[in-house]
Amino acid sequence: MILSHDDEGSGPAVVLLHSGVCDRRMWDEQVAALAPSYRVIRADLRGFGETPMPGERFSFADDVVALLDHLQVDRAAFVGSSFGGRVALEVAVTAAERVASLALLCPALRGLPSTPQADAFDEEEDRLLTSGDVAAAVELNVSTWLGPEASAASRDLVREMQAHAFAVQLAAEEQDPEPEATRVDVDLALVSVPTLVVSGGLDVDHFQNIAQHIADSVAGARLEHLPWAGHLPSLERPAAVNALLAEFLA
């Protein structure tokens, strides 16, 4: 299956991977800023946006590599937000030759201890979804993951993207067989490309811990702490994140 995607601009390739509460629409501002200088590829990961989630075993990282093959892209810089950051790291350790650099915005990563704050969010989201109150679960995600700098339009967009993702993923759970994602454990010692890690000062503490851990564990990684940012800084202050990405990619 080829991921639904957009391919704009020309120059060195940059792949944008969205967060778990969004889809590729979250990158509108970044595409506009980067496409004059880069070939910008943004995809909907499986179960998000326009990419379906059939009942089969799959790998998010393999899906991304298959898209690169389809587009005849040998190597690209990767920009990943949250869950997309985790997928970018998975590509970096399973297909290292395809990754030129990594910009990880409040990335996710398996293996670190959780925190009471993160556990409380997970428990409340599970409670709401189990009770069938999907609308309240959407609002919980919007209020948790967007910092105070986000505009009303950004909040509405995340609301729309998260509601769609819930609809697709909850329907997928009713399939027989269900979709089954292959687990990829990331050994950060294997990451050897230039790496920028962004942390939000208003983000959930678990993600701040992940950002620090990645920055400490990847040789030469640079940690950029944004005191004003929640979990989705590219949607909160797009111009500031665009400038940061342009400087790093250059």
Protein backbone atom coordinates (compact mmCIF):
# COMPACT_ATOMS: atom_id res chain seq x y z
CA MET A 1 0.00 0.00 0.00
CA ILE A 2 1.31 3.45 -0.93
CA LEU A 3 0.57 6.11 1.67
CA SER A 4 -1.59 9.03 0.60
CA HIS A 5 0.78 11.93 0.13
CA ASP A 6 1.65 15.30 -1.40
CA ASP A 7 4.91 15.92 -3.28
CA GLU A 8 5.70 19.61 -3.86
CA GLY A 9 8.68 21.76 -4.76
CA SER A 10 12.11 20.73 -5.98
CA GLY A 11 15.58 20.33 -4.51
CA PRO A 12 16.80 18.12 -1.66
CA ALA A 13 13.99 15.92 -0.36
CA VAL A 14 12.34 16.61 3.01
CA VAL A 15 9.77 14.17 4.43
CA LEU A 16 7.22 15.50 6.93
CA LEU A 17 5.61 12.94 9.29
CA HIS A 18 2.60 14.06 11.32
CA SER A 19 1.71 13.57 14.98
CA GLY A 20 -0.75 10.99 16.27
CA VAL A 21 -3.53 13.56 16.73
CA CYS A 22 -3.11 14.98 13.23
CA ASP A 23 -2.61 14.02 9.61
CA ARG A 24 -0.59 15.55 6.80
CA ARG A 25 -2.73 18.70 6.86
CA MET A 26 -0.85 19.81 9.98
CA TRP A 27 2.11 20.78 7.75
CA ASP A 28 0.41 23.37 5.51
CA GLU A 29 2.51 26.25 6.84
CA GLN A 30 5.76 24.27 6.67
CA VAL A 31 5.14 23.16 3.08
CA ALA A 32 4.55 26.75 2.03
CA ALA A 33 7.82 27.82 3.68
CA LEU A 34 10.01 24.93 2.51
CA ALA A 35 8.75 24.08 -0.99
CA PRO A 36 10.57 27.01 -2.68
CA SER A 37 13.90 25.40 -1.69
CA TYR A 38 13.15 21.71 -1.15
CA ARG A 39 11.17 18.81 -2.53
CA VAL A 40 8.67 18.46 0.31
CA ILE A 41 6.88 15.14 0.77
CA ARG A 42 4.18 14.79 3.39
CA ALA A 43 2.24 11.59 3.95
CA ASP A 44 -0.75 10.34 5.88
CA LEU A 45 0.50 7.43 7.93
CA ARG A 46 -1.62 4.30 8.01
CA GLY A 47 -4.93 4.96 9.78
CA PHE A 48 -4.73 8.74 9.39
CA GLY A 49 -6.08 11.22 6.86
CA GLU A 50 -6.65 9.60 3.49
CA THR A 51 -4.65 6.42 4.19
CA PRO A 52 -6.80 3.44 5.22
CA MET A 53 -5.98 0.84 7.87
CA PRO A 54 -6.66 -2.64 6.49
CA GLY A 55 -6.62 -5.67 8.75
CA GLU A 56 -3.06 -6.91 8.23
CA ARG A 57 0.39 -6.87 9.78
CA PHE A 58 2.44 -3.82 8.81
CA SER A 59 5.26 -1.49 9.81
CA PHE A 60 4.93 2.28 9.86
CA ALA A 61 8.62 2.58 8.97
CA ASP A 62 8.31 0.13 6.07
CA ASP A 63 5.33 2.11 4.77
CA VAL A 64 7.47 5.26 4.67
CA VAL A 65 10.35 3.49 2.92
CA ALA A 66 7.90 2.08 0.36
CA LEU A 67 6.70 5.63 -0.32
CA LEU A 68 10.30 6.78 -0.88
CA ASP A 69 10.79 3.89 -3.31
CA HIS A 70 7.57 4.80 -5.12
CA LEU A 71 8.72 8.42 -5.46
CA GLN A 72 12.27 7.37 -6.41
CA VAL A 73 13.78 9.24 -3.47
CA ASP A 74 17.03 7.69 -2.34
CA ARG A 75 17.64 9.84 0.74
CA ALA A 76 15.75 12.58 2.57
CA ALA A 77 15.80 14.80 5.60
CA PHE A 78 13.00 13.81 7.98
CA VAL A 79 10.87 16.15 10.09
CA GLY A 80 8.65 14.29 12.53
CA SER A 81 6.12 15.58 15.05
CA SER A 82 5.41 13.41 18.13
CA PHE A 83 4.36 9.99 16.76
CA GLY A 84 5.84 11.03 13.41
CA GLY A 85 9.12 11.62 15.21
CA ARG A 86 9.03 8.07 16.52
CA VAL A 87 8.39 6.75 13.01
CA ALA A 88 11.27 8.87 11.66
CA LEU A 89 13.58 7.32 14.26
CA GLU A 90 12.35 3.85 13.28
CA VAL A 91 13.26 4.57 9.66
CA ALA A 92 16.65 5.89 10.81
CA VAL A 93 17.54 2.59 12.50
CA THR A 94 15.94 0.17 10.01
CA ALA A 95 16.86 1.96 6.77
CA ALA A 96 19.66 4.29 7.81
CA GLU A 97 20.82 4.87 4.25
CA ARG A 98 17.53 6.66 3.48
CA VAL A 99 17.87 9.31 6.21
CA ALA A 100 20.05 12.39 5.76
CA SER A 101 19.03 14.22 8.95
CA LEU A 102 16.32 14.29 11.62
CA ALA A 103 14.31 17.17 13.03
CA LEU A 104 12.18 15.77 15.84
CA LEU A 105 9.45 18.03 17.21
CA CYS A 106 8.36 16.85 20.68
CA PRO A 107 8.98 13.25 19.56
CA ALA A 108 7.49 10.07 20.93
CA LEU A 109 9.69 7.09 21.81
CA ARG A 110 9.04 3.72 23.38
CA GLY A 111 10.92 2.51 26.43
CA LEU A 112 11.04 5.47 28.80
CA PRO A 113 9.10 5.31 32.07
CA SER A 114 5.78 7.07 31.94
CA THR A 115 4.77 9.84 34.34
CA PRO A 116 1.63 10.41 36.42
CA GLN A 117 0.65 13.27 34.10
CA ALA A 118 0.93 11.08 30.98
CA ASP A 119 -0.83 8.18 32.70
CA ALA A 120 -3.72 10.42 33.73
CA PHE A 121 -4.23 11.52 30.12
CA ASP A 122 -4.14 7.91 28.85
CA GLU A 123 -6.61 6.76 31.49
CA GLU A 124 -9.07 9.58 30.75
CA GLU A 125 -8.86 9.07 26.99
CA ASP A 126 -9.43 5.32 27.43
CA ARG A 127 -12.41 5.99 29.72
CA LEU A 128 -14.03 8.35 27.24
CA LEU A 129 -13.51 6.09 24.23
CA THR A 130 -14.72 3.01 26.12
CA SER A 131 -17.88 4.90 27.11
CA GLY A 132 -18.41 5.93 23.48
CA ASP A 133 -17.90 9.64 24.11
CA VAL A 134 -15.62 10.21 21.14
CA ALA A 135 -16.39 13.93 20.99
CA ALA A 136 -15.13 14.40 24.55
CA ALA A 137 -12.03 12.36 23.75
CA VAL A 138 -11.35 14.68 20.82
CA GLU A 139 -11.69 17.74 23.07
CA LEU A 140 -9.35 16.16 25.61
CA ASN A 141 -6.70 15.78 22.91
CA VAL A 142 -7.14 19.32 21.62
CA SER A 143 -6.83 20.82 25.10
CA THR A 144 -3.89 18.60 26.11
CA TRP A 145 -1.66 18.81 23.06
CA LEU A 146 -2.05 22.40 21.84
CA GLY A 147 -0.38 25.13 23.85
CA PRO A 148 -1.85 28.59 24.47
CA GLU A 149 -0.18 30.08 21.37
CA ALA A 150 -2.38 28.00 19.03
CA SER A 151 -5.01 29.92 17.09
CA ALA A 152 -8.68 29.03 16.96
CA ALA A 153 -8.14 27.84 13.38
CA SER A 154 -5.35 25.48 14.50
CA ARG A 155 -7.58 24.11 17.26
CA ASP A 156 -10.39 23.51 14.78
CA LEU A 157 -8.01 21.73 12.41
CA VAL A 158 -6.66 19.44 15.13
CA ARG A 159 -10.25 18.78 16.24
CA GLU A 160 -11.13 17.71 12.69
CA MET A 161 -7.99 15.60 12.19
CA GLN A 162 -8.29 13.81 15.54
CA ALA A 163 -11.99 13.05 15.05
CA HIS A 164 -11.23 11.50 11.66
CA ALA A 165 -8.34 9.44 13.06
CA PHE A 166 -10.56 8.10 15.85
CA ALA A 167 -13.25 7.14 13.31
CA VAL A 168 -10.79 5.25 11.11
CA GLN A 169 -8.95 3.54 13.95
CA LEU A 170 -12.02 2.54 15.95
CA ALA A 171 -13.54 1.02 12.80
CA ALA A 172 -10.28 -0.85 12.16
CA GLU A 173 -10.54 -2.50 15.56
CA GLU A 174 -13.75 -4.18 14.41
CA GLN A 175 -12.02 -5.93 11.51
CA ASP A 176 -11.09 -9.61 11.57
CA PRO A 177 -8.16 -9.75 11.52
CA GLU A 178 -7.35 -6.42 13.12
CA PRO A 179 -4.42 -4.34 11.87
CA GLU A 180 -1.21 -5.29 13.69
CA ALA A 181 1.73 -2.89 13.73
CA THR A 182 5.19 -4.43 13.96
CA ARG A 183 7.05 -3.10 17.00
CA VAL A 184 10.36 -1.44 16.22
CA ASP A 185 12.62 -0.78 19.21
CA VAL A 186 14.91 2.17 18.49
CA ASP A 187 18.55 1.93 19.58
CA LEU A 188 19.52 5.60 19.66
CA ALA A 189 23.20 4.67 19.54
CA LEU A 190 22.62 3.67 15.91
CA VAL A 191 21.45 7.15 14.91
CA SER A 192 24.42 8.93 13.36
CA VAL A 193 22.89 11.71 11.24
CA PRO A 194 22.59 15.40 12.21
CA THR A 195 19.69 15.55 14.66
CA LEU A 196 17.64 18.44 16.01
CA VAL A 197 15.34 17.71 18.96
CA VAL A 198 12.68 20.26 19.90
CA SER A 199 11.06 20.29 23.34
CA GLY A 200 8.06 22.35 24.43
CA GLY A 201 8.20 24.02 27.82
CA LEU A 202 4.42 23.58 28.22
CA ASP A 203 4.33 20.02 26.89
CA VAL A 204 3.39 16.96 28.95
CA ASP A 205 6.41 16.10 31.12
CA HIS A 206 6.81 12.62 29.59
CA PHE A 207 7.53 14.16 26.19
CA GLN A 208 9.97 16.65 27.68
CA ASN A 209 11.78 13.68 29.23
CA ILE A 210 11.86 11.89 25.86
CA ALA A 211 13.34 14.94 24.13
CA GLN A 212 16.08 15.23 26.72
CA HIS A 213 16.82 11.50 26.52
CA ILE A 214 17.14 11.57 22.72
CA ALA A 215 19.37 14.63 22.84
CA ASP A 216 21.58 12.95 25.43
CA SER A 217 21.72 9.63 23.55
CA VAL A 218 22.24 10.63 19.90
CA ALA A 219 25.81 11.69 19.21
CA GLY A 220 25.99 15.38 18.37
CA ALA A 221 22.25 15.98 18.72
CA ARG A 222 21.08 19.53 19.39
CA LEU A 223 18.25 20.20 21.84
CA GLU A 224 16.13 23.30 21.23
CA HIS A 225 13.82 24.12 24.15
CA LEU A 226 10.86 26.36 23.30
CA PRO A 227 9.45 27.77 26.57
CA TRP A 228 6.21 28.94 24.88
CA ALA A 229 5.42 25.63 23.15
CA GLY A 230 3.03 22.85 23.97
CA HIS A 231 3.21 19.55 22.12
CA LEU A 232 2.56 20.83 18.58
CA PRO A 233 4.78 23.90 18.11
CA SER A 234 4.50 23.85 14.31
CA LEU A 235 0.78 24.59 14.72
CA GLU A 236 1.28 27.04 17.59
CA ARG A 237 3.92 29.40 16.19
CA PRO A 238 4.40 28.25 12.57
CA ALA A 239 6.75 31.09 11.61
CA ALA A 240 9.11 30.37 14.51
CA VAL A 241 9.24 26.66 13.69
CA ASN A 242 9.68 27.38 9.98
CA ALA A 243 12.71 29.54 10.76
CA LEU A 244 14.15 26.83 13.01
CA LEU A 245 13.68 24.16 10.34
CA ALA A 246 15.11 26.34 7.58
CA GLU A 247 18.23 27.02 9.65
CA PHE A 248 18.69 23.34 10.52
CA LEU A 249 18.06 22.01 7.02
CA ALA A 250 20.45 24.54 5.50
